[in-house]
Amino acid sequence: MTWTLDSVYARNTEAPYTFYLPSPQVLKGLEVGELVKLIFLSDEEHEQFIGERMWVEIVERNEDNFKGLLRNIPSYITELSYGQEIQFTYEHICDTKLEDPEASKWNYYMDTKIVMTRDALEKRSFNLMLKDEPNEENHLGWIFFSGHEPEGYNGNLENYQIVSLGAALNIDDSFLAFVDDEPFSAYERDSETGKFNKLIDYDWG
């Protein structure tokens, strides 16, 4: 079994609002003796294994290049062992023990909730957005629809799912411009321009 280090930049590109990246301030402040978390990938498939996130202690730093010692015992990757020397760069660091001044931004994306129909989630597309009065803490009150739900679909509560704001932003972040609109706001995507237009006369009944 061989292993590689995952690129956190590539992961963040795929999920920019839910895959945390340590801020540049944190990365620049890393010193010898501190712990960083890396994602180790294996070339062998495992039904419960995608990658192992493990702590590495920095023992040497040269600008953007690091040398460290593995400080976890691997669960799946047998070619790795506790104390093994690891060479890595900024690209591989997914977490640190340092306080991050940008952490509140990530907490907001993950802890704030909206509702999406399962159809919108499956299609990874939403074209109608309604903002109702939020009935739970940390819930914005937004409900997103694909706009292609079959007749009778929207009347079944099982066809809805609560998701993080970040999960919706990963699909399309253009609605950030009006995410804080007051309740009873409605927007529909223009099929030609792809932009959302506010519906002034939406029938809330």
N, C-alpha and C. Protein backbone atom coordinates (compact mmCIF):
# COMPACT_ATOMS: atom_id res chain seq x y z
N MET A 1 0.85 -1.20 0.00
CA MET A 1 0.00 0.00 0.00
C MET A 1 0.89 1.25 0.00
N THR A 2 0.70 2.12 -0.98
CA THR A 2 1.44 3.37 -1.02
C THR A 2 0.52 4.51 -0.60
N TRP A 3 1.11 5.63 -0.24
CA TRP A 3 0.32 6.75 0.24
C TRP A 3 0.83 8.06 -0.35
N THR A 4 -0.05 9.05 -0.36
CA THR A 4 0.29 10.40 -0.79
C THR A 4 -0.38 11.38 0.16
N LEU A 5 0.03 12.63 0.10
CA LEU A 5 -0.62 13.69 0.86
C LEU A 5 -1.62 14.41 -0.02
N ASP A 6 -2.80 14.64 0.51
CA ASP A 6 -3.85 15.30 -0.25
C ASP A 6 -3.61 16.80 -0.32
N SER A 7 -4.05 17.41 -1.41
CA SER A 7 -3.98 18.86 -1.57
C SER A 7 -5.22 19.51 -0.97
N VAL A 8 -5.03 20.30 0.07
CA VAL A 8 -6.18 20.97 0.68
C VAL A 8 -6.70 22.07 -0.24
N TYR A 9 -5.86 22.62 -1.10
CA TYR A 9 -6.31 23.64 -2.03
C TYR A 9 -7.29 23.06 -3.04
N ALA A 10 -7.00 21.85 -3.51
CA ALA A 10 -7.91 21.19 -4.45
C ALA A 10 -9.23 20.88 -3.77
N ARG A 11 -9.17 20.42 -2.51
CA ARG A 11 -10.41 20.13 -1.77
C ARG A 11 -11.24 21.39 -1.58
N ASN A 12 -10.56 22.48 -1.26
CA ASN A 12 -11.26 23.74 -1.03
C ASN A 12 -11.88 24.27 -2.31
N THR A 13 -11.23 24.04 -3.44
CA THR A 13 -11.79 24.46 -4.72
C THR A 13 -13.11 23.75 -4.99
N GLU A 14 -13.20 22.48 -4.60
CA GLU A 14 -14.43 21.70 -4.79
C GLU A 14 -15.52 22.13 -3.82
N ALA A 15 -15.15 22.55 -2.61
CA ALA A 15 -16.12 22.93 -1.59
C ALA A 15 -15.61 24.17 -0.85
N PRO A 16 -15.61 25.33 -1.52
CA PRO A 16 -14.97 26.53 -0.97
C PRO A 16 -15.58 27.08 0.31
N TYR A 17 -16.83 26.70 0.62
CA TYR A 17 -17.48 27.25 1.81
C TYR A 17 -17.59 26.25 2.96
N THR A 18 -17.18 25.01 2.72
CA THR A 18 -17.30 24.01 3.79
C THR A 18 -15.99 23.28 4.07
N PHE A 19 -15.01 23.37 3.18
CA PHE A 19 -13.72 22.74 3.46
C PHE A 19 -12.79 23.81 4.01
N TYR A 20 -12.54 23.73 5.30
CA TYR A 20 -11.75 24.75 6.00
C TYR A 20 -10.31 24.78 5.54
N LEU A 21 -9.79 26.00 5.36
CA LEU A 21 -8.37 26.22 5.13
C LEU A 21 -7.83 27.15 6.22
N PRO A 22 -6.72 26.80 6.86
CA PRO A 22 -6.12 27.73 7.82
C PRO A 22 -5.78 29.04 7.12
N SER A 23 -5.97 30.14 7.80
CA SER A 23 -5.72 31.44 7.20
C SER A 23 -4.22 31.65 6.95
N PRO A 24 -3.84 32.52 6.00
CA PRO A 24 -2.43 32.81 5.76
C PRO A 24 -1.71 33.28 7.02
N GLN A 25 -2.41 34.02 7.88
CA GLN A 25 -1.80 34.49 9.13
C GLN A 25 -1.38 33.32 10.01
N VAL A 26 -2.21 32.31 10.10
CA VAL A 26 -1.90 31.12 10.89
C VAL A 26 -0.73 30.36 10.27
N LEU A 27 -0.77 30.16 8.96
CA LEU A 27 0.28 29.39 8.29
C LEU A 27 1.64 30.07 8.42
N LYS A 28 1.67 31.38 8.30
CA LYS A 28 2.93 32.10 8.41
C LYS A 28 3.51 32.03 9.83
N GLY A 29 2.62 31.83 10.82
CA GLY A 29 3.07 31.81 12.20
C GLY A 29 3.51 30.45 12.71
N LEU A 30 3.44 29.43 11.88
CA LEU A 30 3.81 28.08 12.31
C LEU A 30 5.30 28.00 12.62
N GLU A 31 5.61 27.35 13.74
CA GLU A 31 7.01 27.23 14.18
C GLU A 31 7.33 25.77 14.49
N VAL A 32 8.62 25.49 14.60
CA VAL A 32 9.08 24.16 14.99
C VAL A 32 8.48 23.80 16.35
N GLY A 33 8.00 22.57 16.46
CA GLY A 33 7.40 22.09 17.69
C GLY A 33 5.88 22.10 17.68
N GLU A 34 5.29 22.84 16.72
CA GLU A 34 3.84 22.91 16.66
C GLU A 34 3.28 21.76 15.82
N LEU A 35 1.98 21.48 16.05
CA LEU A 35 1.31 20.38 15.35
C LEU A 35 0.44 20.90 14.21
N VAL A 36 0.48 20.20 13.09
CA VAL A 36 -0.39 20.50 11.97
C VAL A 36 -1.07 19.20 11.54
N LYS A 37 -2.25 19.32 10.97
CA LYS A 37 -2.97 18.13 10.53
C LYS A 37 -2.88 18.02 9.01
N LEU A 38 -2.54 16.82 8.53
CA LEU A 38 -2.43 16.52 7.11
C LEU A 38 -3.40 15.40 6.75
N ILE A 39 -3.76 15.31 5.48
CA ILE A 39 -4.64 14.25 5.01
C ILE A 39 -3.81 13.27 4.20
N PHE A 40 -3.73 12.03 4.68
CA PHE A 40 -2.97 10.98 4.03
C PHE A 40 -3.93 10.11 3.22
N LEU A 41 -3.61 9.92 1.95
CA LEU A 41 -4.43 9.11 1.06
C LEU A 41 -3.71 7.81 0.71
N SER A 42 -4.49 6.74 0.53
CA SER A 42 -3.93 5.45 0.15
C SER A 42 -4.34 5.12 -1.27
N ASP A 43 -3.53 4.30 -1.95
CA ASP A 43 -3.88 3.88 -3.29
C ASP A 43 -4.82 2.68 -3.29
N GLU A 44 -5.12 2.16 -2.10
CA GLU A 44 -6.05 1.04 -2.00
C GLU A 44 -7.41 1.53 -1.49
N GLU A 45 -8.47 1.02 -2.09
CA GLU A 45 -9.82 1.41 -1.70
C GLU A 45 -10.25 0.66 -0.44
N HIS A 46 -11.03 1.34 0.38
CA HIS A 46 -11.58 0.74 1.59
C HIS A 46 -12.98 1.31 1.77
N GLU A 47 -13.94 0.47 2.11
CA GLU A 47 -15.34 0.90 2.16
C GLU A 47 -15.59 2.00 3.19
N GLN A 48 -14.78 2.09 4.24
CA GLN A 48 -14.97 3.13 5.25
C GLN A 48 -13.82 4.11 5.28
N PHE A 49 -12.95 4.05 4.29
CA PHE A 49 -11.74 4.85 4.33
C PHE A 49 -11.60 5.71 3.09
N ILE A 50 -11.52 7.01 3.26
CA ILE A 50 -11.25 7.94 2.17
C ILE A 50 -9.85 8.52 2.35
N GLY A 51 -9.53 8.88 3.56
CA GLY A 51 -8.22 9.42 3.89
C GLY A 51 -8.10 9.51 5.39
N GLU A 52 -6.88 9.48 5.87
CA GLU A 52 -6.65 9.61 7.31
C GLU A 52 -6.09 10.99 7.62
N ARG A 53 -6.80 11.69 8.49
CA ARG A 53 -6.31 13.00 8.94
C ARG A 53 -5.50 12.77 10.20
N MET A 54 -4.21 13.12 10.14
CA MET A 54 -3.33 12.84 11.27
C MET A 54 -2.43 14.04 11.57
N TRP A 55 -2.07 14.15 12.84
CA TRP A 55 -1.22 15.23 13.31
C TRP A 55 0.25 14.92 13.04
N VAL A 56 0.96 15.97 12.64
CA VAL A 56 2.40 15.88 12.39
C VAL A 56 3.08 17.03 13.15
N GLU A 57 4.14 16.71 13.87
CA GLU A 57 4.89 17.73 14.61
C GLU A 57 5.98 18.31 13.72
N ILE A 58 6.00 19.61 13.60
CA ILE A 58 7.01 20.28 12.78
C ILE A 58 8.37 20.21 13.47
N VAL A 59 9.37 19.70 12.76
CA VAL A 59 10.73 19.64 13.30
C VAL A 59 11.70 20.51 12.50
N GLU A 60 11.26 20.95 11.33
CA GLU A 60 12.11 21.80 10.51
C GLU A 60 11.24 22.59 9.54
N ARG A 61 11.60 23.86 9.35
CA ARG A 61 10.85 24.67 8.39
C ARG A 61 11.81 25.51 7.57
N ASN A 62 11.60 25.50 6.25
CA ASN A 62 12.38 26.31 5.33
C ASN A 62 11.40 27.02 4.39
N GLU A 63 11.04 28.25 4.77
CA GLU A 63 10.03 29.01 4.03
C GLU A 63 8.71 28.22 3.97
N ASP A 64 8.30 27.77 2.77
CA ASP A 64 7.02 27.07 2.62
C ASP A 64 7.17 25.56 2.75
N ASN A 65 8.37 25.07 2.96
CA ASN A 65 8.62 23.63 3.04
C ASN A 65 8.84 23.20 4.48
N PHE A 66 8.24 22.07 4.84
CA PHE A 66 8.29 21.59 6.21
C PHE A 66 8.78 20.15 6.27
N LYS A 67 9.38 19.82 7.42
CA LYS A 67 9.69 18.44 7.75
C LYS A 67 9.07 18.18 9.11
N GLY A 68 8.40 17.04 9.24
CA GLY A 68 7.74 16.74 10.51
C GLY A 68 7.77 15.27 10.84
N LEU A 69 7.28 14.97 12.05
CA LEU A 69 7.21 13.59 12.52
C LEU A 69 5.74 13.25 12.78
N LEU A 70 5.29 12.11 12.28
CA LEU A 70 3.91 11.69 12.45
C LEU A 70 3.63 11.43 13.92
N ARG A 71 2.55 12.04 14.44
CA ARG A 71 2.21 11.91 15.85
C ARG A 71 0.88 11.20 16.08
N ASN A 72 0.43 10.42 15.10
CA ASN A 72 -0.72 9.54 15.24
C ASN A 72 -0.33 8.14 14.79
N ILE A 73 -1.09 7.16 15.28
CA ILE A 73 -0.91 5.79 14.80
C ILE A 73 -1.94 5.54 13.71
N PRO A 74 -1.51 5.29 12.46
CA PRO A 74 -2.45 5.11 11.36
C PRO A 74 -3.39 3.93 11.61
N SER A 75 -4.64 4.08 11.14
CA SER A 75 -5.62 3.01 11.26
C SER A 75 -5.62 2.09 10.05
N TYR A 76 -5.33 2.63 8.86
CA TYR A 76 -5.44 1.85 7.64
C TYR A 76 -4.15 1.78 6.83
N ILE A 77 -3.38 2.86 6.81
CA ILE A 77 -2.21 2.90 5.93
C ILE A 77 -1.03 2.24 6.64
N THR A 78 -0.76 1.01 6.28
CA THR A 78 0.23 0.20 6.99
C THR A 78 1.67 0.64 6.72
N GLU A 79 1.89 1.39 5.65
CA GLU A 79 3.24 1.85 5.35
C GLU A 79 3.64 3.07 6.16
N LEU A 80 2.69 3.60 6.91
CA LEU A 80 2.99 4.72 7.80
C LEU A 80 3.08 4.23 9.23
N SER A 81 3.93 4.88 10.03
CA SER A 81 4.06 4.49 11.44
C SER A 81 4.32 5.72 12.29
N TYR A 82 3.97 5.61 13.55
CA TYR A 82 4.17 6.72 14.49
C TYR A 82 5.64 7.14 14.49
N GLY A 83 5.87 8.46 14.42
CA GLY A 83 7.22 8.98 14.44
C GLY A 83 7.90 9.05 13.09
N GLN A 84 7.20 8.59 12.02
CA GLN A 84 7.80 8.60 10.69
C GLN A 84 7.99 10.03 10.20
N GLU A 85 9.10 10.26 9.48
CA GLU A 85 9.39 11.58 8.95
C GLU A 85 8.51 11.86 7.74
N ILE A 86 7.92 13.07 7.70
CA ILE A 86 7.02 13.47 6.63
C ILE A 86 7.47 14.81 6.06
N GLN A 87 7.60 14.88 4.75
CA GLN A 87 7.90 16.14 4.07
C GLN A 87 6.59 16.70 3.53
N PHE A 88 6.35 18.00 3.75
CA PHE A 88 5.10 18.59 3.29
C PHE A 88 5.24 20.09 3.08
N THR A 89 4.20 20.70 2.52
CA THR A 89 4.18 22.14 2.27
C THR A 89 2.85 22.72 2.78
N TYR A 90 2.65 24.03 2.58
CA TYR A 90 1.38 24.66 2.93
C TYR A 90 0.20 23.93 2.31
N GLU A 91 0.41 23.42 1.11
CA GLU A 91 -0.67 22.81 0.34
C GLU A 91 -1.31 21.62 1.04
N HIS A 92 -0.60 21.06 2.01
CA HIS A 92 -1.09 19.83 2.66
C HIS A 92 -1.67 20.07 4.06
N ILE A 93 -1.62 21.28 4.56
CA ILE A 93 -2.04 21.56 5.94
C ILE A 93 -3.53 21.89 5.98
N CYS A 94 -4.33 21.02 6.61
CA CYS A 94 -5.78 21.26 6.69
C CYS A 94 -6.21 21.79 8.05
N ASP A 95 -5.32 21.77 9.04
CA ASP A 95 -5.69 22.28 10.36
C ASP A 95 -4.43 22.47 11.20
N THR A 96 -4.57 23.29 12.23
CA THR A 96 -3.48 23.52 13.17
C THR A 96 -4.07 23.62 14.58
N LYS A 97 -3.22 23.77 15.56
CA LYS A 97 -3.67 23.97 16.93
C LYS A 97 -3.76 25.46 17.27
N LEU A 98 -3.38 26.32 16.35
CA LEU A 98 -3.35 27.75 16.59
C LEU A 98 -4.74 28.37 16.43
N GLU A 99 -4.99 29.44 17.16
CA GLU A 99 -6.25 30.16 17.04
C GLU A 99 -6.28 30.90 15.70
N ASP A 100 -7.35 30.72 14.96
CA ASP A 100 -7.46 31.31 13.62
C ASP A 100 -8.41 32.50 13.66
N PRO A 101 -7.93 33.70 13.30
CA PRO A 101 -8.81 34.88 13.31
C PRO A 101 -9.96 34.80 12.31
N GLU A 102 -9.87 33.88 11.34
CA GLU A 102 -10.93 33.73 10.34
C GLU A 102 -11.88 32.58 10.66
N ALA A 103 -11.73 31.97 11.82
CA ALA A 103 -12.55 30.81 12.17
C ALA A 103 -14.04 31.15 12.23
N SER A 104 -14.38 32.36 12.65
CA SER A 104 -15.79 32.74 12.78
C SER A 104 -16.50 32.70 11.43
N LYS A 105 -15.77 33.03 10.37
CA LYS A 105 -16.36 32.97 9.02
C LYS A 105 -16.76 31.54 8.67
N TRP A 106 -15.88 30.60 8.96
CA TRP A 106 -16.18 29.20 8.66
C TRP A 106 -17.29 28.67 9.55
N ASN A 107 -17.31 29.10 10.80
CA ASN A 107 -18.37 28.68 11.72
C ASN A 107 -19.74 29.16 11.22
N TYR A 108 -19.77 30.37 10.68
CA TYR A 108 -21.02 30.92 10.15
C TYR A 108 -21.53 30.08 8.99
N TYR A 109 -20.66 29.72 8.07
CA TYR A 109 -21.06 28.92 6.92
C TYR A 109 -21.57 27.54 7.33
N MET A 110 -20.95 26.96 8.36
CA MET A 110 -21.30 25.60 8.77
C MET A 110 -22.48 25.55 9.72
N ASP A 111 -22.58 26.54 10.62
CA ASP A 111 -23.60 26.50 11.67
C ASP A 111 -24.93 27.12 11.25
N THR A 112 -24.91 27.99 10.26
CA THR A 112 -26.13 28.63 9.79
C THR A 112 -26.83 27.69 8.82
N LYS A 113 -28.15 27.57 8.96
CA LYS A 113 -28.90 26.56 8.20
C LYS A 113 -29.93 27.18 7.26
N ILE A 114 -30.20 26.44 6.20
CA ILE A 114 -31.31 26.74 5.29
C ILE A 114 -32.01 25.41 4.99
N VAL A 115 -33.07 25.46 4.19
CA VAL A 115 -33.77 24.24 3.76
C VAL A 115 -33.69 24.14 2.24
N MET A 116 -33.44 22.95 1.74
CA MET A 116 -33.46 22.69 0.30
C MET A 116 -34.33 21.47 0.04
N THR A 117 -35.00 21.47 -1.09
CA THR A 117 -35.70 20.25 -1.47
C THR A 117 -34.64 19.20 -1.86
N ARG A 118 -34.98 17.95 -1.67
CA ARG A 118 -34.05 16.88 -2.04
C ARG A 118 -33.80 16.88 -3.55
N ASP A 119 -34.78 17.34 -4.30
CA ASP A 119 -34.60 17.43 -5.74
C ASP A 119 -33.52 18.45 -6.09
N ALA A 120 -33.52 19.58 -5.40
CA ALA A 120 -32.49 20.60 -5.63
C ALA A 120 -31.11 20.08 -5.22
N LEU A 121 -31.06 19.33 -4.13
CA LEU A 121 -29.79 18.76 -3.68
C LEU A 121 -29.26 17.74 -4.68
N GLU A 122 -30.15 16.89 -5.18
CA GLU A 122 -29.73 15.86 -6.14
C GLU A 122 -29.26 16.48 -7.45
N LYS A 123 -29.95 17.53 -7.89
CA LYS A 123 -29.59 18.19 -9.13
C LYS A 123 -28.44 19.19 -8.94
N ARG A 124 -28.14 19.51 -7.68
CA ARG A 124 -27.15 20.55 -7.36
C ARG A 124 -27.47 21.84 -8.12
N SER A 125 -28.75 22.21 -8.01
CA SER A 125 -29.22 23.41 -8.70
C SER A 125 -30.47 23.92 -8.01
N PHE A 126 -30.53 25.22 -7.81
CA PHE A 126 -31.76 25.81 -7.28
C PHE A 126 -32.11 27.05 -8.12
N ASN A 127 -33.41 27.20 -8.38
CA ASN A 127 -33.87 28.27 -9.27
C ASN A 127 -34.97 29.12 -8.65
N LEU A 128 -35.48 28.69 -7.51
CA LEU A 128 -36.49 29.47 -6.78
C LEU A 128 -36.11 29.48 -5.32
N MET A 129 -36.12 30.67 -4.70
CA MET A 129 -35.74 30.80 -3.30
C MET A 129 -36.78 31.64 -2.58
N LEU A 130 -37.27 31.12 -1.46
CA LEU A 130 -38.27 31.82 -0.65
C LEU A 130 -37.72 32.00 0.76
N LYS A 131 -37.89 33.21 1.30
CA LYS A 131 -37.46 33.44 2.68
C LYS A 131 -38.67 33.63 3.57
N ASP A 132 -38.86 32.67 4.47
CA ASP A 132 -39.96 32.70 5.43
C ASP A 132 -39.41 33.17 6.77
N GLU A 133 -40.28 33.27 7.76
CA GLU A 133 -39.83 33.59 9.12
C GLU A 133 -39.06 32.39 9.67
N PRO A 134 -37.82 32.57 10.13
CA PRO A 134 -37.08 31.43 10.70
C PRO A 134 -37.73 30.97 11.99
N ASN A 135 -37.81 29.64 12.17
CA ASN A 135 -38.45 29.11 13.38
C ASN A 135 -37.47 28.39 14.29
N GLU A 136 -36.18 28.45 13.96
CA GLU A 136 -35.17 27.84 14.80
C GLU A 136 -33.95 28.74 14.87
N GLU A 137 -33.19 28.62 15.96
CA GLU A 137 -31.96 29.38 16.10
C GLU A 137 -30.97 28.96 15.03
N ASN A 138 -30.25 29.92 14.49
CA ASN A 138 -29.25 29.70 13.44
C ASN A 138 -29.87 29.31 12.10
N HIS A 139 -31.18 29.43 11.99
CA HIS A 139 -31.84 29.14 10.71
C HIS A 139 -32.21 30.46 10.05
N LEU A 140 -31.85 30.62 8.78
CA LEU A 140 -32.10 31.88 8.08
C LEU A 140 -33.53 32.02 7.58
N GLY A 141 -34.24 30.90 7.45
CA GLY A 141 -35.60 30.96 6.94
C GLY A 141 -35.71 30.74 5.44
N TRP A 142 -34.58 30.58 4.77
CA TRP A 142 -34.60 30.37 3.32
C TRP A 142 -34.99 28.93 2.98
N ILE A 143 -35.77 28.79 1.90
CA ILE A 143 -36.11 27.48 1.34
C ILE A 143 -35.77 27.54 -0.15
N PHE A 144 -34.96 26.60 -0.59
CA PHE A 144 -34.50 26.57 -1.98
C PHE A 144 -35.17 25.42 -2.74
N PHE A 145 -35.60 25.71 -3.95
CA PHE A 145 -36.25 24.72 -4.81
C PHE A 145 -35.49 24.61 -6.14
N SER A 146 -35.49 23.44 -6.71
CA SER A 146 -34.89 23.29 -8.04
C SER A 146 -35.74 24.01 -9.08
N GLY A 147 -37.05 24.08 -8.80
CA GLY A 147 -37.97 24.65 -9.77
C GLY A 147 -38.51 23.60 -10.73
N HIS A 148 -38.04 22.35 -10.54
CA HIS A 148 -38.49 21.26 -11.41
C HIS A 148 -39.09 20.11 -10.59
N GLU A 149 -39.50 20.40 -9.36
CA GLU A 149 -40.12 19.37 -8.53
C GLU A 149 -41.45 18.95 -9.15
N PRO A 150 -41.76 17.66 -9.15
CA PRO A 150 -43.03 17.18 -9.74
C PRO A 150 -44.24 17.65 -8.93
N GLU A 151 -45.39 17.56 -9.52
CA GLU A 151 -46.62 17.99 -8.88
C GLU A 151 -46.84 17.22 -7.58
N GLY A 152 -47.18 17.93 -6.52
CA GLY A 152 -47.42 17.33 -5.22
C GLY A 152 -46.16 17.13 -4.39
N TYR A 153 -45.01 17.30 -4.99
CA TYR A 153 -43.73 17.05 -4.32
C TYR A 153 -43.52 17.98 -3.13
N ASN A 154 -43.79 19.26 -3.32
CA ASN A 154 -43.49 20.26 -2.30
C ASN A 154 -44.40 20.17 -1.08
N GLY A 155 -45.47 19.41 -1.18
CA GLY A 155 -46.37 19.27 -0.04
C GLY A 155 -45.95 18.20 0.94
N ASN A 156 -44.90 17.46 0.62
CA ASN A 156 -44.42 16.37 1.49
C ASN A 156 -43.16 16.82 2.23
N LEU A 157 -43.25 16.90 3.55
CA LEU A 157 -42.11 17.38 4.34
C LEU A 157 -40.88 16.48 4.21
N GLU A 158 -41.09 15.22 3.85
CA GLU A 158 -39.96 14.31 3.69
C GLU A 158 -39.09 14.67 2.48
N ASN A 159 -39.60 15.53 1.63
CA ASN A 159 -38.86 15.94 0.44
C ASN A 159 -37.98 17.16 0.68
N TYR A 160 -37.84 17.53 1.96
CA TYR A 160 -37.00 18.68 2.30
C TYR A 160 -35.87 18.24 3.23
N GLN A 161 -34.78 18.96 3.17
CA GLN A 161 -33.64 18.64 4.04
C GLN A 161 -33.00 19.93 4.53
N ILE A 162 -32.66 19.96 5.82
CA ILE A 162 -31.93 21.09 6.38
C ILE A 162 -30.45 20.91 6.07
N VAL A 163 -29.83 21.92 5.50
CA VAL A 163 -28.41 21.86 5.16
C VAL A 163 -27.73 23.13 5.65
N SER A 164 -26.41 23.09 5.70
CA SER A 164 -25.66 24.28 6.10
C SER A 164 -25.70 25.31 4.98
N LEU A 165 -25.58 26.57 5.37
CA LEU A 165 -25.50 27.64 4.38
C LEU A 165 -24.33 27.38 3.43
N GLY A 166 -23.22 26.90 3.98
CA GLY A 166 -22.03 26.63 3.17
C GLY A 166 -22.29 25.61 2.08
N ALA A 167 -23.10 24.58 2.38
CA ALA A 167 -23.40 23.56 1.38
C ALA A 167 -24.13 24.15 0.19
N ALA A 168 -25.03 25.10 0.47
CA ALA A 168 -25.74 25.76 -0.63
C ALA A 168 -24.81 26.70 -1.39
N LEU A 169 -23.94 27.38 -0.68
CA LEU A 169 -22.99 28.29 -1.33
C LEU A 169 -22.03 27.53 -2.23
N ASN A 170 -21.71 26.29 -1.87
CA ASN A 170 -20.84 25.48 -2.73
C ASN A 170 -21.47 25.24 -4.09
N ILE A 171 -22.80 25.21 -4.12
CA ILE A 171 -23.52 25.00 -5.38
C ILE A 171 -23.58 26.29 -6.18
N ASP A 172 -23.92 27.39 -5.51
CA ASP A 172 -24.06 28.69 -6.18
C ASP A 172 -24.03 29.78 -5.11
N ASP A 173 -23.02 30.61 -5.12
CA ASP A 173 -22.91 31.63 -4.08
C ASP A 173 -23.43 32.99 -4.52
N SER A 174 -24.12 33.05 -5.65
CA SER A 174 -24.61 34.34 -6.14
C SER A 174 -25.69 34.93 -5.24
N PHE A 175 -26.33 34.09 -4.40
CA PHE A 175 -27.40 34.62 -3.54
C PHE A 175 -26.87 35.30 -2.29
N LEU A 176 -25.55 35.32 -2.12
CA LEU A 176 -24.97 36.01 -0.96
C LEU A 176 -25.36 37.48 -0.93
N ALA A 177 -25.61 38.05 -2.09
CA ALA A 177 -25.94 39.47 -2.17
C ALA A 177 -27.23 39.81 -1.45
N PHE A 178 -28.11 38.84 -1.29
CA PHE A 178 -29.39 39.11 -0.62
C PHE A 178 -29.73 38.07 0.43
N VAL A 179 -28.71 37.39 0.95
CA VAL A 179 -28.95 36.34 1.95
C VAL A 179 -29.59 36.90 3.22
N ASP A 180 -29.36 38.19 3.51
CA ASP A 180 -29.90 38.80 4.72
C ASP A 180 -31.19 39.57 4.48
N ASP A 181 -31.85 39.31 3.36
CA ASP A 181 -33.15 39.95 3.10
C ASP A 181 -34.14 39.63 4.20
N GLU A 182 -35.12 40.49 4.35
CA GLU A 182 -36.17 40.28 5.34
C GLU A 182 -37.07 39.12 4.91
N PRO A 183 -37.78 38.51 5.88
CA PRO A 183 -38.72 37.42 5.54
C PRO A 183 -39.75 37.84 4.50
N PHE A 184 -40.24 36.82 3.81
CA PHE A 184 -41.20 36.95 2.72
C PHE A 184 -40.59 37.65 1.51
N SER A 185 -39.33 37.27 1.28
CA SER A 185 -38.66 37.65 0.03
C SER A 185 -38.64 36.43 -0.88
N ALA A 186 -38.77 36.67 -2.16
CA ALA A 186 -38.78 35.58 -3.14
C ALA A 186 -37.92 35.96 -4.34
N TYR A 187 -37.16 34.97 -4.81
CA TYR A 187 -36.29 35.19 -5.97
C TYR A 187 -36.42 34.02 -6.93
N GLU A 188 -36.35 34.33 -8.22
CA GLU A 188 -36.39 33.31 -9.24
C GLU A 188 -35.26 33.55 -10.23
N ARG A 189 -34.62 32.47 -10.65
CA ARG A 189 -33.50 32.60 -11.58
C ARG A 189 -34.01 32.86 -13.01
N ASP A 190 -33.40 33.82 -13.66
CA ASP A 190 -33.70 34.09 -15.05
C ASP A 190 -33.03 33.01 -15.91
N SER A 191 -33.80 32.31 -16.71
CA SER A 191 -33.28 31.18 -17.48
C SER A 191 -32.27 31.62 -18.54
N GLU A 192 -32.33 32.88 -18.96
CA GLU A 192 -31.42 33.36 -19.99
C GLU A 192 -30.12 33.91 -19.41
N THR A 193 -30.23 34.71 -18.37
CA THR A 193 -29.02 35.33 -17.80
C THR A 193 -28.41 34.52 -16.67
N GLY A 194 -29.22 33.64 -16.05
CA GLY A 194 -28.72 32.85 -14.92
C GLY A 194 -28.74 33.63 -13.61
N LYS A 195 -29.16 34.89 -13.65
CA LYS A 195 -29.19 35.72 -12.45
C LYS A 195 -30.56 35.61 -11.76
N PHE A 196 -30.56 35.90 -10.45
CA PHE A 196 -31.80 35.86 -9.69
C PHE A 196 -32.50 37.22 -9.73
N ASN A 197 -33.80 37.18 -9.97
CA ASN A 197 -34.62 38.39 -9.95
C ASN A 197 -35.61 38.31 -8.80
N LYS A 198 -35.81 39.42 -8.12
CA LYS A 198 -36.75 39.45 -7.00
C LYS A 198 -38.17 39.45 -7.54
N LEU A 199 -39.01 38.61 -6.92
CA LEU A 199 -40.41 38.53 -7.31
C LEU A 199 -41.23 39.42 -6.38
N ILE A 200 -41.69 40.52 -6.90
CA ILE A 200 -42.42 41.49 -6.09
C ILE A 200 -43.82 41.01 -5.76
N ASP A 201 -44.44 40.29 -6.71
CA ASP A 201 -45.84 39.90 -6.55
C ASP A 201 -46.00 38.41 -6.29
N TYR A 202 -45.02 37.80 -5.62
CA TYR A 202 -45.13 36.36 -5.35
C TYR A 202 -46.33 36.05 -4.45
N ASP A 203 -47.08 35.02 -4.80
CA ASP A 203 -48.30 34.64 -4.06
C ASP A 203 -47.92 33.73 -2.89
N TRP A 204 -47.81 34.28 -1.71
CA TRP A 204 -47.42 33.50 -0.51
C TRP A 204 -48.56 32.65 0.01
N GLY A 205 -49.75 32.84 -0.50
CA GLY A 205 -50.86 32.03 -0.07
C GLY A 205 -50.78 30.61 -0.61
